[in-house]
Amino acid sequence: MNDDRSVERAARSWIETGPTQAPDRVVERALLTIETTRQERDLGIPWRFPIMTTPARVAAAAVTIVLLVGGAFALTGRLGQGAGGLPASTSPSPIASGSPSLVPSASASLTAEVGPLPARETVLPAGTYVAAPFVAGRPAGCMDPPQPGCSESMDDSIRATFTVPAGWGAINGTGVWLSAEKASAPNGASMGFGRGSWLHSDPCLTEERIAANGARPDVPVGPTANDFAQAIADHPLFEATDPVAVTLGGYSGMYVDLQLPSDLAGCKYYFPWEPGIYAQGPSHRWHLWILDVDAVRVVVQTTDYAGTSAEHRAQLTAMIESIQIEP
């Protein structure tokens, strides 16, 4: 890991000595090209480390970005970003901040003036963004090899448009978190998109289990929204609410709240399922809108803590209300 990071720092330093004013779309195209190169699956650590960390991939990133930047300085302009937000709902969920019956208002319809959600971690200006969370190779995509019910060819085209207030940042093209607090305890918050997947019978992944067999998820889960919601509710180690029917972004599905443990001692990572995120701190609260989008399962997930401010929880609700999904 230290060698990888040394090479990455060197590559970034080399890039930064060159031109720095290329249009954003050029850099995004380069990053997306690099990111969508299919890889063998290692233990996923989304929202903490980039997917591609080997020296060869860092060098490829440097060369690709420099070549694209060099050929792009005759171009001008950038994608516009709409500003604004939506009023937040005050209806609490069984555990915390979301409402299990959210239906986007008319003002949340798709607009022509949007920007792509960056494929790298970065602070975002307030505006409207389009996420493509299921492009092959991203943390929200299928495992390699895919689990039954998860096919990259089925869901690469899915796009989610939503409005982001000031003070939030992008995460690997798959969601947003608070720029300062991120999703960390005791007061962070986040919103992201996933596929749902098989569950871990024991979500507490220790160093020994990971070293012994990679600690892959071992509880089979069917491909539908109801399959995933019910599997979470039935898991003997999860503190979860009963699934309830929900409509979000123009699609129907199920809503579940999940309270993660307050004691994570001994766990290198606490992964309820993979691919997906792990607990970002003790007593992490997860709110899940599990949707069937033209026979493809899409999980919209917000996270917070008891210490997350009312303002930030309201912003999460507003972002959820603004979501529109295109299959």
C-alpha atoms as a PDB file:
ATOM      1  CA  MET A   1       0.000   0.000   0.000  1.00  0.00           C
ATOM      2  CA  ASN A   2       2.832   2.414   0.808  1.00  0.00           C
ATOM      3  CA  ASP A   3       4.505   1.739  -2.551  1.00  0.00           C
ATOM      4  CA  ASP A   4       1.225   2.260  -4.382  1.00  0.00           C
ATOM      5  CA  ARG A   5       0.618   5.562  -2.654  1.00  0.00           C
ATOM      6  CA  SER A   6       4.178   6.738  -3.333  1.00  0.00           C
ATOM      7  CA  VAL A   7       3.719   6.136  -7.034  1.00  0.00           C
ATOM      8  CA  GLU A   8       0.303   7.798  -6.928  1.00  0.00           C
ATOM      9  CA  ARG A   9       1.749  10.883  -5.224  1.00  0.00           C
ATOM     10  CA  ALA A  10       4.531  11.045  -7.797  1.00  0.00           C
ATOM     11  CA  ALA A  11       2.065  10.746 -10.659  1.00  0.00           C
ATOM     12  CA  ARG A  12      -0.182  13.430  -9.224  1.00  0.00           C
ATOM     13  CA  SER A  13       2.832  15.715  -8.718  1.00  0.00           C
ATOM     14  CA  TRP A  14       3.843  15.199 -12.355  1.00  0.00           C
ATOM     15  CA  ILE A  15       0.330  15.979 -13.564  1.00  0.00           C
ATOM     16  CA  GLU A  16       0.053  19.078 -11.400  1.00  0.00           C
ATOM     17  CA  THR A  17       3.175  20.633 -12.980  1.00  0.00           C
ATOM     18  CA  GLY A  18       1.418  20.750 -16.342  1.00  0.00           C
ATOM     19  CA  PRO A  19      -1.684  22.674 -17.496  1.00  0.00           C
ATOM     20  CA  THR A  20      -4.413  22.944 -14.893  1.00  0.00           C
ATOM     21  CA  GLN A  21      -7.313  24.609 -16.692  1.00  0.00           C
ATOM     22  CA  ALA A  22      -8.683  21.870 -18.943  1.00  0.00           C
ATOM     23  CA  PRO A  23     -12.473  21.711 -19.270  1.00  0.00           C
ATOM     24  CA  ASP A  24     -13.995  19.568 -16.515  1.00  0.00           C
ATOM     25  CA  ARG A  25     -15.575  17.241 -19.053  1.00  0.00           C
ATOM     26  CA  VAL A  26     -12.133  16.221 -20.328  1.00  0.00           C
ATOM     27  CA  VAL A  27     -10.907  15.168 -16.899  1.00  0.00           C
ATOM     28  CA  GLU A  28     -14.204  13.401 -16.171  1.00  0.00           C
ATOM     29  CA  ARG A  29     -13.934  11.465 -19.442  1.00  0.00           C
ATOM     30  CA  ALA A  30     -10.395  10.371 -18.599  1.00  0.00           C
ATOM     31  CA  LEU A  31     -11.333   9.292 -15.087  1.00  0.00           C
ATOM     32  CA  LEU A  32     -14.392   7.401 -16.295  1.00  0.00           C
ATOM     33  CA  THR A  33     -12.321   5.606 -18.943  1.00  0.00           C
ATOM     34  CA  ILE A  34      -9.781   4.537 -16.348  1.00  0.00           C
ATOM     35  CA  GLU A  35     -12.417   3.604 -13.786  1.00  0.00           C
ATOM     36  CA  THR A  36     -14.482   1.392 -16.060  1.00  0.00           C
ATOM     37  CA  THR A  37     -11.591  -0.953 -16.901  1.00  0.00           C
ATOM     38  CA  ARG A  38     -12.695  -4.314 -15.511  1.00  0.00           C
ATOM     39  CA  GLN A  39     -10.588  -5.715 -12.677  1.00  0.00           C
ATOM     40  CA  GLU A  40     -10.348  -8.840 -10.567  1.00  0.00           C
ATOM     41  CA  ARG A  41     -12.272  -8.342  -7.360  1.00  0.00           C
ATOM     42  CA  ASP A  42     -10.417  -7.708  -4.136  1.00  0.00           C
ATOM     43  CA  LEU A  43     -12.070  -6.906  -0.831  1.00  0.00           C
ATOM     44  CA  GLY A  44     -14.040  -3.752  -1.646  1.00  0.00           C
ATOM     45  CA  ILE A  45     -13.363  -0.737   0.542  1.00  0.00           C
ATOM     46  CA  PRO A  46     -15.687   1.864  -0.985  1.00  0.00           C
ATOM     47  CA  TRP A  47     -15.805   5.439   0.355  1.00  0.00           C
ATOM     48  CA  ARG A  48     -12.307   5.187   1.851  1.00  0.00           C
ATOM     49  CA  PHE A  49      -9.819   4.264  -0.869  1.00  0.00           C
ATOM     50  CA  PRO A  50      -9.936   4.521  -4.681  1.00  0.00           C
ATOM     51  CA  ILE A  51     -10.705   1.349  -6.593  1.00  0.00           C
ATOM     52  CA  MET A  52      -7.489   1.445  -8.650  1.00  0.00           C
ATOM     53  CA  THR A  53      -4.329   1.801  -6.582  1.00  0.00           C
ATOM     54  CA  THR A  54      -1.581  -0.204  -8.309  1.00  0.00           C
ATOM     55  CA  PRO A  55       1.412   1.618  -9.781  1.00  0.00           C
ATOM     56  CA  ALA A  56       0.499   0.527 -13.301  1.00  0.00           C
ATOM     57  CA  ARG A  57      -2.992   1.961 -13.018  1.00  0.00           C
ATOM     58  CA  VAL A  58      -1.741   5.213 -11.512  1.00  0.00           C
ATOM     59  CA  ALA A  59       0.748   5.581 -14.347  1.00  0.00           C
ATOM     60  CA  ALA A  60      -1.990   4.863 -16.864  1.00  0.00           C
ATOM     61  CA  ALA A  61      -4.163   7.511 -15.228  1.00  0.00           C
ATOM     62  CA  ALA A  62      -1.381  10.066 -15.462  1.00  0.00           C
ATOM     63  CA  VAL A  63      -0.662   9.378 -19.115  1.00  0.00           C
ATOM     64  CA  THR A  64      -4.334   9.319 -20.094  1.00  0.00           C
ATOM     65  CA  ILE A  65      -5.177  12.591 -18.352  1.00  0.00           C
ATOM     66  CA  VAL A  66      -2.105  14.395 -19.704  1.00  0.00           C
ATOM     67  CA  LEU A  67      -2.843  13.287 -23.274  1.00  0.00           C
ATOM     68  CA  LEU A  68      -6.454  14.348 -23.042  1.00  0.00           C
ATOM     69  CA  VAL A  69      -5.557  17.670 -21.430  1.00  0.00           C
ATOM     70  CA  GLY A  70      -2.936  18.350 -24.075  1.00  0.00           C
ATOM     71  CA  GLY A  71      -5.458  17.895 -26.858  1.00  0.00           C
ATOM     72  CA  ALA A  72      -8.246  19.842 -25.225  1.00  0.00           C
ATOM     73  CA  PHE A  73      -7.032  23.365 -24.659  1.00  0.00           C
ATOM     74  CA  ALA A  74      -8.649  24.610 -27.841  1.00  0.00           C
ATOM     75  CA  LEU A  75     -12.011  23.765 -26.279  1.00  0.00           C
ATOM     76  CA  THR A  76     -13.924  26.079 -23.956  1.00  0.00           C
ATOM     77  CA  GLY A  77     -17.054  25.921 -21.806  1.00  0.00           C
ATOM     78  CA  ARG A  78     -18.352  23.394 -19.301  1.00  0.00           C
ATOM     79  CA  LEU A  79     -21.539  21.625 -18.400  1.00  0.00           C
ATOM     80  CA  GLY A  80     -23.947  23.883 -16.549  1.00  0.00           C
ATOM     81  CA  GLN A  81     -25.205  23.112 -13.069  1.00  0.00           C
ATOM     82  CA  GLY A  82     -28.625  24.077 -11.903  1.00  0.00           C
ATOM     83  CA  ALA A  83     -28.827  25.581  -8.445  1.00  0.00           C
ATOM     84  CA  GLY A  84     -31.396  25.307  -5.742  1.00  0.00           C
ATOM     85  CA  GLY A  85     -32.958  22.679  -3.526  1.00  0.00           C
ATOM     86  CA  LEU A  86     -36.267  21.314  -2.324  1.00  0.00           C
ATOM     87  CA  PRO A  87     -38.069  21.828   0.956  1.00  0.00           C
ATOM     88  CA  ALA A  88     -37.327  19.055   3.420  1.00  0.00           C
ATOM     89  CA  SER A  89     -39.925  16.704   4.831  1.00  0.00           C
ATOM     90  CA  THR A  90     -40.170  16.529   8.603  1.00  0.00           C
ATOM     91  CA  SER A  91     -41.692  13.048   8.708  1.00  0.00           C
ATOM     92  CA  PRO A  92     -39.292  10.751  10.598  1.00  0.00           C
ATOM     93  CA  SER A  93     -38.624   7.132   9.695  1.00  0.00           C
ATOM     94  CA  PRO A  94     -38.773   4.417  12.369  1.00  0.00           C
ATOM     95  CA  ILE A  95     -35.072   4.960  13.207  1.00  0.00           C
ATOM     96  CA  ALA A  96     -34.252   8.440  11.990  1.00  0.00           C
ATOM     97  CA  SER A  97     -34.212  10.850   9.127  1.00  0.00           C
ATOM     98  CA  GLY A  98     -35.972   9.548   6.008  1.00  0.00           C
ATOM     99  CA  SER A  99     -39.642   9.116   5.222  1.00  0.00           C
ATOM    100  CA  PRO A 100     -40.654   5.702   3.846  1.00  0.00           C
ATOM    101  CA  SER A 101     -43.334   7.210   1.632  1.00  0.00           C
ATOM    102  CA  LEU A 102     -41.464   9.907  -0.263  1.00  0.00           C
ATOM    103  CA  VAL A 103     -42.765  10.796  -3.721  1.00  0.00           C
ATOM    104  CA  PRO A 104     -40.776  13.450  -5.656  1.00  0.00           C
ATOM    105  CA  SER A 105     -42.676  16.661  -6.259  1.00  0.00           C
ATOM    106  CA  ALA A 106     -43.218  18.162  -9.713  1.00  0.00           C
ATOM    107  CA  SER A 107     -40.334  20.584  -9.134  1.00  0.00           C
ATOM    108  CA  ALA A 108     -37.954  17.603  -8.976  1.00  0.00           C
ATOM    109  CA  SER A 109     -38.414  16.725 -12.659  1.00  0.00           C
ATOM    110  CA  LEU A 110     -35.392  16.322 -14.922  1.00  0.00           C
ATOM    111  CA  THR A 111     -33.912  19.501 -16.338  1.00  0.00           C
ATOM    112  CA  ALA A 112     -31.612  20.089 -19.290  1.00  0.00           C
ATOM    113  CA  GLU A 113     -29.059  21.978 -17.202  1.00  0.00           C
ATOM    114  CA  VAL A 114     -27.255  19.383 -15.111  1.00  0.00           C
ATOM    115  CA  GLY A 115     -23.696  18.246 -14.525  1.00  0.00           C
ATOM    116  CA  PRO A 116     -22.246  14.738 -14.164  1.00  0.00           C
ATOM    117  CA  LEU A 117     -21.495  13.573 -10.641  1.00  0.00           C
ATOM    118  CA  PRO A 118     -17.674  13.485 -10.587  1.00  0.00           C
ATOM    119  CA  ALA A 119     -16.007  10.086 -10.615  1.00  0.00           C
ATOM    120  CA  ARG A 120     -13.521  11.237  -7.977  1.00  0.00           C
ATOM    121  CA  GLU A 121     -13.849  12.509  -4.415  1.00  0.00           C
ATOM    122  CA  THR A 122     -14.366  16.268  -4.601  1.00  0.00           C
ATOM    123  CA  VAL A 123     -16.339  19.131  -3.030  1.00  0.00           C
ATOM    124  CA  LEU A 124     -19.449  19.997  -5.070  1.00  0.00           C
ATOM    125  CA  PRO A 125     -21.000  23.379  -5.788  1.00  0.00           C
ATOM    126  CA  ALA A 126     -24.727  23.410  -5.061  1.00  0.00           C
ATOM    127  CA  GLY A 127     -26.562  22.195  -8.142  1.00  0.00           C
ATOM    128  CA  THR A 128     -28.218  19.321  -9.969  1.00  0.00           C
ATOM    129  CA  TYR A 129     -26.151  16.263 -10.838  1.00  0.00           C
ATOM    130  CA  VAL A 130     -26.510  13.018 -12.772  1.00  0.00           C
ATOM    131  CA  ALA A 131     -24.987   9.873 -11.255  1.00  0.00           C
ATOM    132  CA  ALA A 132     -24.113   6.778 -13.289  1.00  0.00           C
ATOM    133  CA  PRO A 133     -23.433   4.502 -10.310  1.00  0.00           C
ATOM    134  CA  PHE A 134     -23.526   1.142 -12.072  1.00  0.00           C
ATOM    135  CA  VAL A 135     -20.835   1.593 -14.684  1.00  0.00           C
ATOM    136  CA  ALA A 136     -18.675  -1.530 -14.633  1.00  0.00           C
ATOM    137  CA  GLY A 137     -15.844  -1.287 -12.137  1.00  0.00           C
ATOM    138  CA  ARG A 138     -17.478   1.167  -9.730  1.00  0.00           C
ATOM    139  CA  PRO A 139     -18.092   0.115  -6.113  1.00  0.00           C
ATOM    140  CA  ALA A 140     -21.858   0.100  -6.680  1.00  0.00           C
ATOM    141  CA  GLY A 141     -21.595  -2.400  -9.546  1.00  0.00           C
ATOM    142  CA  CYS A 142     -21.670  -6.187  -9.521  1.00  0.00           C
ATOM    143  CA  MET A 143     -19.047  -8.396  -7.950  1.00  0.00           C
ATOM    144  CA  ASP A 144     -16.541 -10.133 -10.179  1.00  0.00           C
ATOM    145  CA  PRO A 145     -17.744 -12.776 -10.839  1.00  0.00           C
ATOM    146  CA  PRO A 146     -21.295 -11.401 -10.446  1.00  0.00           C
ATOM    147  CA  GLN A 147     -23.678 -12.828  -7.895  1.00  0.00           C
ATOM    148  CA  PRO A 148     -26.894 -14.304  -9.321  1.00  0.00           C
ATOM    149  CA  GLY A 149     -29.340 -11.533 -10.153  1.00  0.00           C
ATOM    150  CA  CYS A 150     -26.650  -8.903 -10.774  1.00  0.00           C
ATOM    151  CA  SER A 151     -25.655  -8.292 -14.376  1.00  0.00           C
ATOM    152  CA  GLU A 152     -23.510  -5.364 -15.508  1.00  0.00           C
ATOM    153  CA  SER A 153     -25.053  -5.504 -18.987  1.00  0.00           C
ATOM    154  CA  MET A 154     -28.523  -4.927 -17.501  1.00  0.00           C
ATOM    155  CA  ASP A 155     -27.887  -1.840 -15.425  1.00  0.00           C
ATOM    156  CA  ASP A 156     -24.981   0.166 -16.860  1.00  0.00           C
ATOM    157  CA  SER A 157     -27.434   2.608 -18.451  1.00  0.00           C
ATOM    158  CA  ILE A 158     -29.270   3.583 -15.245  1.00  0.00           C
ATOM    159  CA  ARG A 159     -28.921   7.263 -14.355  1.00  0.00           C
ATOM    160  CA  ALA A 160     -30.129   9.114 -11.253  1.00  0.00           C
ATOM    161  CA  THR A 161     -30.620  12.891 -11.258  1.00  0.00           C
ATOM    162  CA  PHE A 162     -30.783  14.745  -7.930  1.00  0.00           C
ATOM    163  CA  THR A 163     -30.210  18.182  -6.402  1.00  0.00           C
ATOM    164  CA  VAL A 164     -27.313  18.740  -3.991  1.00  0.00           C
ATOM    165  CA  PRO A 165     -27.065  21.688  -1.554  1.00  0.00           C
ATOM    166  CA  ALA A 166     -23.832  23.458  -0.667  1.00  0.00           C
ATOM    167  CA  GLY A 167     -21.523  21.699   1.783  1.00  0.00           C
ATOM    168  CA  TRP A 168     -21.556  18.239   0.173  1.00  0.00           C
ATOM    169  CA  GLY A 169     -18.967  16.326  -1.838  1.00  0.00           C
ATOM    170  CA  ALA A 170     -18.935  13.539  -4.419  1.00  0.00           C
ATOM    171  CA  ILE A 171     -17.873   9.958  -3.636  1.00  0.00           C
ATOM    172  CA  ASN A 172     -16.467   7.892  -6.531  1.00  0.00           C
ATOM    173  CA  GLY A 173     -19.365   8.749  -8.842  1.00  0.00           C
ATOM    174  CA  THR A 174     -21.802   6.748  -6.701  1.00  0.00           C
ATOM    175  CA  GLY A 175     -23.102   9.248  -4.151  1.00  0.00           C
ATOM    176  CA  VAL A 176     -22.420  12.256  -1.910  1.00  0.00           C
ATOM    177  CA  TRP A 177     -21.372  12.932   1.666  1.00  0.00           C
ATOM    178  CA  LEU A 178     -20.783  15.982   3.830  1.00  0.00           C
ATOM    179  CA  SER A 179     -17.644  17.816   2.741  1.00  0.00           C
ATOM    180  CA  ALA A 180     -16.374  18.351   6.289  1.00  0.00           C
ATOM    181  CA  GLU A 181     -17.820  15.513   8.366  1.00  0.00           C
ATOM    182  CA  LYS A 182     -18.020  12.994   5.487  1.00  0.00           C
ATOM    183  CA  ALA A 183     -19.987   9.911   6.625  1.00  0.00           C
ATOM    184  CA  SER A 184     -17.956   9.511   9.806  1.00  0.00           C
ATOM    185  CA  ALA A 185     -19.171   9.326  13.404  1.00  0.00           C
ATOM    186  CA  PRO A 186     -20.500  11.101  15.338  1.00  0.00           C
ATOM    187  CA  ASN A 187     -22.277  13.548  13.005  1.00  0.00           C
ATOM    188  CA  GLY A 188     -21.611  12.644   9.354  1.00  0.00           C
ATOM    189  CA  ALA A 189     -24.168  11.913   6.654  1.00  0.00           C
ATOM    190  CA  SER A 190     -24.258  10.492   3.138  1.00  0.00           C
ATOM    191  CA  MET A 191     -26.464   9.464   0.246  1.00  0.00           C
ATOM    192  CA  GLY A 192     -25.526   6.872  -2.351  1.00  0.00           C
ATOM    193  CA  PHE A 193     -26.706   4.292  -4.849  1.00  0.00           C
ATOM    194  CA  GLY A 194     -26.114   0.552  -4.811  1.00  0.00           C
ATOM    195  CA  ARG A 195     -27.355  -2.735  -6.194  1.00  0.00           C
ATOM    196  CA  GLY A 196     -27.946  -4.729  -3.038  1.00  0.00           C
ATOM    197  CA  SER A 197     -26.454  -8.197  -2.960  1.00  0.00           C
ATOM    198  CA  TRP A 198     -25.845 -11.291  -0.897  1.00  0.00           C
ATOM    199  CA  LEU A 199     -25.455 -10.709   2.846  1.00  0.00           C
ATOM    200  CA  HIS A 200     -22.686 -11.667   5.253  1.00  0.00           C
ATOM    201  CA  SER A 201     -23.891 -14.154   7.845  1.00  0.00           C
ATOM    202  CA  ASP A 202     -21.382 -12.446  10.165  1.00  0.00           C
ATOM    203  CA  PRO A 203     -20.893  -8.811   9.068  1.00  0.00           C
ATOM    204  CA  CYS A 204     -17.933  -8.316  11.439  1.00  0.00           C
ATOM    205  CA  LEU A 205     -14.986  -9.053   9.162  1.00  0.00           C
ATOM    206  CA  THR A 206     -11.834  -9.681  11.167  1.00  0.00           C
ATOM    207  CA  GLU A 207      -8.260  -9.608   9.939  1.00  0.00           C
ATOM    208  CA  GLU A 208      -8.127 -13.386  10.309  1.00  0.00           C
ATOM    209  CA  ARG A 209     -11.261 -14.076   8.258  1.00  0.00           C
ATOM    210  CA  ILE A 210     -10.172 -11.754   5.490  1.00  0.00           C
ATOM    211  CA  ALA A 211      -6.708 -13.327   5.354  1.00  0.00           C
ATOM    212  CA  ALA A 212      -8.120 -16.863   5.414  1.00  0.00           C
ATOM    213  CA  ASN A 213     -10.737 -16.725   2.668  1.00  0.00           C
ATOM    214  CA  GLY A 214     -11.446 -13.151   1.650  1.00  0.00           C
ATOM    215  CA  ALA A 215     -14.656 -13.214   3.712  1.00  0.00           C
ATOM    216  CA  ARG A 216     -17.087 -13.133   0.800  1.00  0.00           C
ATOM    217  CA  PRO A 217     -20.834 -12.728   1.489  1.00  0.00           C
ATOM    218  CA  ASP A 218     -22.434 -16.119   2.050  1.00  0.00           C
ATOM    219  CA  VAL A 219     -26.206 -15.557   2.510  1.00  0.00           C
ATOM    220  CA  PRO A 220     -27.944 -15.924  -0.889  1.00  0.00           C
ATOM    221  CA  VAL A 221     -30.443 -13.187  -1.757  1.00  0.00           C
ATOM    222  CA  GLY A 222     -32.826 -13.133  -4.718  1.00  0.00           C
ATOM    223  CA  PRO A 223     -32.742 -10.389  -7.371  1.00  0.00           C
ATOM    224  CA  THR A 224     -35.868  -8.352  -6.480  1.00  0.00           C
ATOM    225  CA  ALA A 225     -36.354  -5.401  -4.160  1.00  0.00           C
ATOM    226  CA  ASN A 226     -38.582  -7.480  -1.908  1.00  0.00           C
ATOM    227  CA  ASP A 227     -35.978 -10.285  -1.774  1.00  0.00           C
ATOM    228  CA  PHE A 228     -33.317  -7.906  -0.494  1.00  0.00           C
ATOM    229  CA  ALA A 229     -35.581  -6.023   1.928  1.00  0.00           C
ATOM    230  CA  GLN A 230     -36.891  -9.236   3.456  1.00  0.00           C
ATOM    231  CA  ALA A 231     -33.411 -10.754   3.753  1.00  0.00           C
ATOM    232  CA  ILE A 232     -32.272  -7.707   5.752  1.00  0.00           C
ATOM    233  CA  ALA A 233     -35.329  -7.852   7.998  1.00  0.00           C
ATOM    234  CA  ASP A 234     -34.858 -11.605   8.585  1.00  0.00           C
ATOM    235  CA  HIS A 235     -31.112 -11.488   9.342  1.00  0.00           C
ATOM    236  CA  PRO A 236     -30.616 -12.635  12.961  1.00  0.00           C
ATOM    237  CA  LEU A 237     -27.795 -10.155  13.623  1.00  0.00           C
ATOM    238  CA  PHE A 238     -29.427  -7.056  12.111  1.00  0.00           C
ATOM    239  CA  GLU A 239     -31.526  -4.513  13.985  1.00  0.00           C
ATOM    240  CA  ALA A 240     -33.881  -3.660  11.133  1.00  0.00           C
ATOM    241  CA  THR A 241     -37.454  -2.480  10.657  1.00  0.00           C
ATOM    242  CA  ASP A 242     -40.076  -4.464   8.786  1.00  0.00           C
ATOM    243  CA  PRO A 243     -40.148  -3.583   5.072  1.00  0.00           C
ATOM    244  CA  VAL A 244     -42.877  -1.195   3.938  1.00  0.00           C
ATOM    245  CA  ALA A 245     -43.988  -0.298   0.420  1.00  0.00           C
ATOM    246  CA  VAL A 246     -42.443   2.864  -1.034  1.00  0.00           C
ATOM    247  CA  THR A 247     -42.352   4.892  -4.257  1.00  0.00           C
ATOM    248  CA  LEU A 248     -39.293   6.938  -5.190  1.00  0.00           C
ATOM    249  CA  GLY A 249     -37.980   8.438  -8.407  1.00  0.00           C
ATOM    250  CA  GLY A 250     -40.927   7.072 -10.346  1.00  0.00           C
ATOM    251  CA  TYR A 251     -40.421   3.453  -9.221  1.00  0.00           C
ATOM    252  CA  SER A 252     -41.918   1.291  -6.499  1.00  0.00           C
ATOM    253  CA  GLY A 253     -40.152  -0.903  -3.982  1.00  0.00           C
ATOM    254  CA  MET A 254     -39.587  -1.398  -0.264  1.00  0.00           C
ATOM    255  CA  TYR A 255     -38.196   0.768   2.532  1.00  0.00           C
ATOM    256  CA  VAL A 256     -36.084  -0.540   5.463  1.00  0.00           C
ATOM    257  CA  ASP A 257     -34.184   1.127   8.309  1.00  0.00           C
ATOM    258  CA  LEU A 258     -31.040  -0.580   9.607  1.00  0.00           C
ATOM    259  CA  GLN A 259     -29.288   0.315  12.867  1.00  0.00           C
ATOM    260  CA  LEU A 260     -25.644  -0.830  12.919  1.00  0.00           C
ATOM    261  CA  PRO A 261     -23.930  -1.847  16.183  1.00  0.00           C
ATOM    262  CA  SER A 262     -22.530   0.615  18.706  1.00  0.00           C
ATOM    263  CA  ASP A 263     -19.595  -1.722  19.406  1.00  0.00           C
ATOM    264  CA  LEU A 264     -17.403  -2.546  16.401  1.00  0.00           C
ATOM    265  CA  ALA A 265     -14.429  -3.737  18.458  1.00  0.00           C
ATOM    266  CA  GLY A 266     -12.586  -6.564  16.735  1.00  0.00           C
ATOM    267  CA  CYS A 267     -14.054  -5.779  13.307  1.00  0.00           C
ATOM    268  CA  LYS A 268     -11.617  -4.585  10.683  1.00  0.00           C
ATOM    269  CA  TYR A 269     -14.731  -3.745   8.625  1.00  0.00           C
ATOM    270  CA  TYR A 270     -18.430  -4.196   9.328  1.00  0.00           C
ATOM    271  CA  PHE A 271     -19.975  -5.154   5.977  1.00  0.00           C
ATOM    272  CA  PRO A 272     -23.686  -6.084   6.043  1.00  0.00           C
ATOM    273  CA  TRP A 273     -23.431  -6.944   2.321  1.00  0.00           C
ATOM    274  CA  GLU A 274     -21.086  -6.668  -0.638  1.00  0.00           C
ATOM    275  CA  PRO A 275     -20.701  -4.882  -2.922  1.00  0.00           C
ATOM    276  CA  GLY A 276     -21.730  -2.020  -0.679  1.00  0.00           C
ATOM    277  CA  ILE A 277     -20.327   0.266   1.982  1.00  0.00           C
ATOM    278  CA  TYR A 278     -19.159  -0.762   5.431  1.00  0.00           C
ATOM    279  CA  ALA A 279     -19.978   0.902   8.766  1.00  0.00           C
ATOM    280  CA  GLN A 280     -18.308   4.305   8.833  1.00  0.00           C
ATOM    281  CA  GLY A 281     -18.492   4.430  12.623  1.00  0.00           C
ATOM    282  CA  PRO A 282     -20.320   2.978  15.633  1.00  0.00           C
ATOM    283  CA  SER A 283     -24.125   3.316  15.714  1.00  0.00           C
ATOM    284  CA  HIS A 284     -24.266   4.128  12.019  1.00  0.00           C
ATOM    285  CA  ARG A 285     -27.904   4.425  10.831  1.00  0.00           C
ATOM    286  CA  TRP A 286     -28.822   3.318   7.317  1.00  0.00           C
ATOM    287  CA  HIS A 287     -32.065   4.187   5.498  1.00  0.00           C
ATOM    288  CA  LEU A 288     -32.790   2.111   2.402  1.00  0.00           C
ATOM    289  CA  TRP A 289     -35.168   2.691  -0.502  1.00  0.00           C
ATOM    290  CA  ILE A 290     -34.956  -0.610  -2.395  1.00  0.00           C
ATOM    291  CA  LEU A 291     -36.489  -0.231  -5.848  1.00  0.00           C
ATOM    292  CA  ASP A 292     -37.286  -2.415  -8.852  1.00  0.00           C
ATOM    293  CA  VAL A 293     -36.203  -0.361 -11.887  1.00  0.00           C
ATOM    294  CA  ASP A 294     -37.359  -2.270 -14.968  1.00  0.00           C
ATOM    295  CA  ALA A 295     -36.378  -5.618 -13.397  1.00  0.00           C
ATOM    296  CA  VAL A 296     -33.095  -4.224 -12.036  1.00  0.00           C
ATOM    297  CA  ARG A 297     -32.747  -3.717  -8.284  1.00  0.00           C
ATOM    298  CA  VAL A 298     -31.561  -0.244  -7.246  1.00  0.00           C
ATOM    299  CA  VAL A 299     -30.861   0.650  -3.612  1.00  0.00           C
ATOM    300  CA  VAL A 300     -30.905   4.332  -2.637  1.00  0.00           C
ATOM    301  CA  GLN A 301     -29.191   4.650   0.738  1.00  0.00           C
ATOM    302  CA  THR A 302     -28.828   7.518   3.171  1.00  0.00           C
ATOM    303  CA  THR A 303     -26.781   7.298   6.362  1.00  0.00           C
ATOM    304  CA  ASP A 304     -26.541   9.394   9.505  1.00  0.00           C
ATOM    305  CA  TYR A 305     -26.002   9.213  13.264  1.00  0.00           C
ATOM    306  CA  ALA A 306     -27.888  10.336  16.341  1.00  0.00           C
ATOM    307  CA  GLY A 307     -25.499  13.305  16.383  1.00  0.00           C
ATOM    308  CA  THR A 308     -26.144  14.363  12.768  1.00  0.00           C
ATOM    309  CA  SER A 309     -27.662  17.845  12.770  1.00  0.00           C
ATOM    310  CA  ALA A 310     -31.331  18.420  11.966  1.00  0.00           C
ATOM    311  CA  GLU A 311     -30.197  20.663   9.082  1.00  0.00           C
ATOM    312  CA  HIS A 312     -28.146  17.901   7.480  1.00  0.00           C
ATOM    313  CA  ARG A 313     -30.910  15.328   7.945  1.00  0.00           C
ATOM    314  CA  ALA A 314     -33.314  17.748   6.271  1.00  0.00           C
ATOM    315  CA  GLN A 315     -30.868  18.131   3.379  1.00  0.00           C
ATOM    316  CA  LEU A 316     -30.751  14.349   2.994  1.00  0.00           C
ATOM    317  CA  THR A 317     -34.528  14.247   2.810  1.00  0.00           C
ATOM    318  CA  ALA A 318     -34.562  17.031   0.211  1.00  0.00           C
ATOM    319  CA  MET A 319     -32.027  15.165  -1.923  1.00  0.00           C
ATOM    320  CA  ILE A 320     -34.103  11.994  -1.714  1.00  0.00           C
ATOM    321  CA  GLU A 321     -37.222  13.916  -2.714  1.00  0.00           C
ATOM    322  CA  SER A 322     -35.428  15.351  -5.750  1.00  0.00           C
ATOM    323  CA  ILE A 323     -34.330  11.996  -7.181  1.00  0.00           C
ATOM    324  CA  GLN A 324     -35.460  10.992 -10.671  1.00  0.00           C
ATOM    325  CA  ILE A 325     -34.289   7.694 -12.179  1.00  0.00           C
ATOM    326  CA  GLU A 326     -33.849   6.847 -15.857  1.00  0.00           C
ATOM    327  CA  PRO A 327     -33.388   3.153 -16.724  1.00  0.00           C
END
